[in-house]
């Protein structure tokens, strides 16, 4: 099913927003992981720092371990 062209800018802009959110999560996560270490960083602290919900976090990463690996990548 093709969407009308009038929706294309909305989809592109949403895609950019989602990409930037993930990028921001990784950048902030890197800072926190360097400061606190993997074991010292709680998920709630990370979520508060990047201002995302738990659901948004799990949309991008299946686990805290997967997140830490993505930060290292």
C-alpha atoms as a PDB file:
ATOM      1  CA  UNK A   1       0.000   0.000   0.000  1.00  0.00           C
ATOM      2  CA  UNK A   2       1.534   3.265  -1.133  1.00  0.00           C
ATOM      3  CA  UNK A   3       0.946   6.366   0.950  1.00  0.00           C
ATOM      4  CA  UNK A   4       0.075   9.636  -0.757  1.00  0.00           C
ATOM      5  CA  UNK A   5       3.075  11.896  -1.300  1.00  0.00           C
ATOM      6  CA  UNK A   6       1.650  14.457   1.109  1.00  0.00           C
ATOM      7  CA  UNK A   7       2.551  12.082   3.974  1.00  0.00           C
ATOM      8  CA  UNK A   8       6.157  11.565   2.857  1.00  0.00           C
ATOM      9  CA  UNK A   9       7.598  14.646   4.663  1.00  0.00           C
ATOM     10  CA  UNK A  10       5.935  13.547   7.908  1.00  0.00           C
ATOM     11  CA  UNK A  11       7.429  10.078   7.646  1.00  0.00           C
ATOM     12  CA  UNK A  12      10.894  11.413   6.872  1.00  0.00           C
ATOM     13  CA  UNK A  13      10.779  13.913   9.704  1.00  0.00           C
ATOM     14  CA  UNK A  14       9.555  11.220  12.128  1.00  0.00           C
ATOM     15  CA  UNK A  15      12.361   8.943  11.010  1.00  0.00           C
ATOM     16  CA  UNK A  16      14.897  11.703  11.662  1.00  0.00           C
ATOM     17  CA  UNK A  17      13.406  12.369  15.105  1.00  0.00           C
ATOM     18  CA  UNK A  18      13.590   8.675  16.001  1.00  0.00           C
ATOM     19  CA  UNK A  19      17.181   8.468  14.803  1.00  0.00           C
ATOM     20  CA  UNK A  20      18.154  11.546  16.824  1.00  0.00           C
ATOM     21  CA  UNK A  21      16.471  10.150  19.934  1.00  0.00           C
ATOM     22  CA  UNK A  22      18.474   6.931  19.646  1.00  0.00           C
ATOM     23  CA  UNK A  23      21.670   8.898  19.020  1.00  0.00           C
ATOM     24  CA  UNK A  24      21.007  11.073  22.081  1.00  0.00           C
ATOM     25  CA  UNK A  25      20.386   7.964  24.181  1.00  0.00           C
ATOM     26  CA  UNK A  26      23.717   6.490  23.069  1.00  0.00           C
ATOM     27  CA  UNK A  27      25.670   9.713  23.686  1.00  0.00           C
ATOM     28  CA  UNK A  28      24.205  10.255  27.137  1.00  0.00           C
ATOM     29  CA  UNK A  29      24.543   6.584  27.937  1.00  0.00           C
ATOM     30  CA  UNK A  30      28.204   6.648  27.024  1.00  0.00           C
ATOM     31  CA  UNK A  31      28.833   9.527  29.429  1.00  0.00           C
ATOM     32  CA  UNK A  32      26.938   7.786  32.218  1.00  0.00           C
ATOM     33  CA  UNK A  33      28.583   4.419  31.636  1.00  0.00           C
ATOM     34  CA  UNK A  34      32.030   6.003  31.723  1.00  0.00           C
ATOM     35  CA  UNK A  35      31.191   7.812  34.948  1.00  0.00           C
ATOM     36  CA  UNK A  36      29.212   5.128  36.793  1.00  0.00           C
ATOM     37  CA  UNK A  37      30.196   1.855  35.139  1.00  0.00           C
ATOM     38  CA  UNK A  38      27.813  -0.799  33.845  1.00  0.00           C
ATOM     39  CA  UNK A  39      26.890  -2.190  37.259  1.00  0.00           C
ATOM     40  CA  UNK A  40      26.594   1.284  38.798  1.00  0.00           C
ATOM     41  CA  UNK A  41      24.203   2.637  36.187  1.00  0.00           C
ATOM     42  CA  UNK A  42      20.583   1.885  36.847  1.00  0.00           C
ATOM     43  CA  UNK A  43      18.053   1.870  34.056  1.00  0.00           C
ATOM     44  CA  UNK A  44      15.906   4.488  35.818  1.00  0.00           C
ATOM     45  CA  UNK A  45      18.895   6.851  36.036  1.00  0.00           C
ATOM     46  CA  UNK A  46      19.540   6.407  32.331  1.00  0.00           C
ATOM     47  CA  UNK A  47      15.887   6.920  31.404  1.00  0.00           C
ATOM     48  CA  UNK A  48      15.703  10.082  33.489  1.00  0.00           C
ATOM     49  CA  UNK A  49      18.906  11.457  31.959  1.00  0.00           C
ATOM     50  CA  UNK A  50      17.753  10.945  28.371  1.00  0.00           C
ATOM     51  CA  UNK A  51      14.131  11.804  29.158  1.00  0.00           C
ATOM     52  CA  UNK A  52      12.587   8.733  27.547  1.00  0.00           C
ATOM     53  CA  UNK A  53      10.079   6.215  28.797  1.00  0.00           C
ATOM     54  CA  UNK A  54      10.931   2.608  29.521  1.00  0.00           C
ATOM     55  CA  UNK A  55       8.863   1.638  26.483  1.00  0.00           C
ATOM     56  CA  UNK A  56      10.870   3.951  24.226  1.00  0.00           C
ATOM     57  CA  UNK A  57      14.106   2.482  25.578  1.00  0.00           C
ATOM     58  CA  UNK A  58      12.955  -1.062  24.867  1.00  0.00           C
ATOM     59  CA  UNK A  59      11.814  -0.012  21.395  1.00  0.00           C
ATOM     60  CA  UNK A  60      15.463   0.625  20.551  1.00  0.00           C
ATOM     61  CA  UNK A  61      17.258  -1.876  22.790  1.00  0.00           C
ATOM     62  CA  UNK A  62      16.044  -5.270  24.036  1.00  0.00           C
ATOM     63  CA  UNK A  63      18.089  -4.994  27.251  1.00  0.00           C
ATOM     64  CA  UNK A  64      20.532  -2.869  29.222  1.00  0.00           C
ATOM     65  CA  UNK A  65      23.282  -5.192  28.000  1.00  0.00           C
ATOM     66  CA  UNK A  66      22.301  -4.598  24.354  1.00  0.00           C
ATOM     67  CA  UNK A  67      22.321  -0.870  25.059  1.00  0.00           C
ATOM     68  CA  UNK A  68      25.824  -1.017  26.567  1.00  0.00           C
ATOM     69  CA  UNK A  69      27.071  -3.011  23.579  1.00  0.00           C
ATOM     70  CA  UNK A  70      25.558  -0.424  21.208  1.00  0.00           C
ATOM     71  CA  UNK A  71      27.357   2.329  23.143  1.00  0.00           C
ATOM     72  CA  UNK A  72      30.646   0.471  22.690  1.00  0.00           C
ATOM     73  CA  UNK A  73      30.023  -0.119  18.986  1.00  0.00           C
END
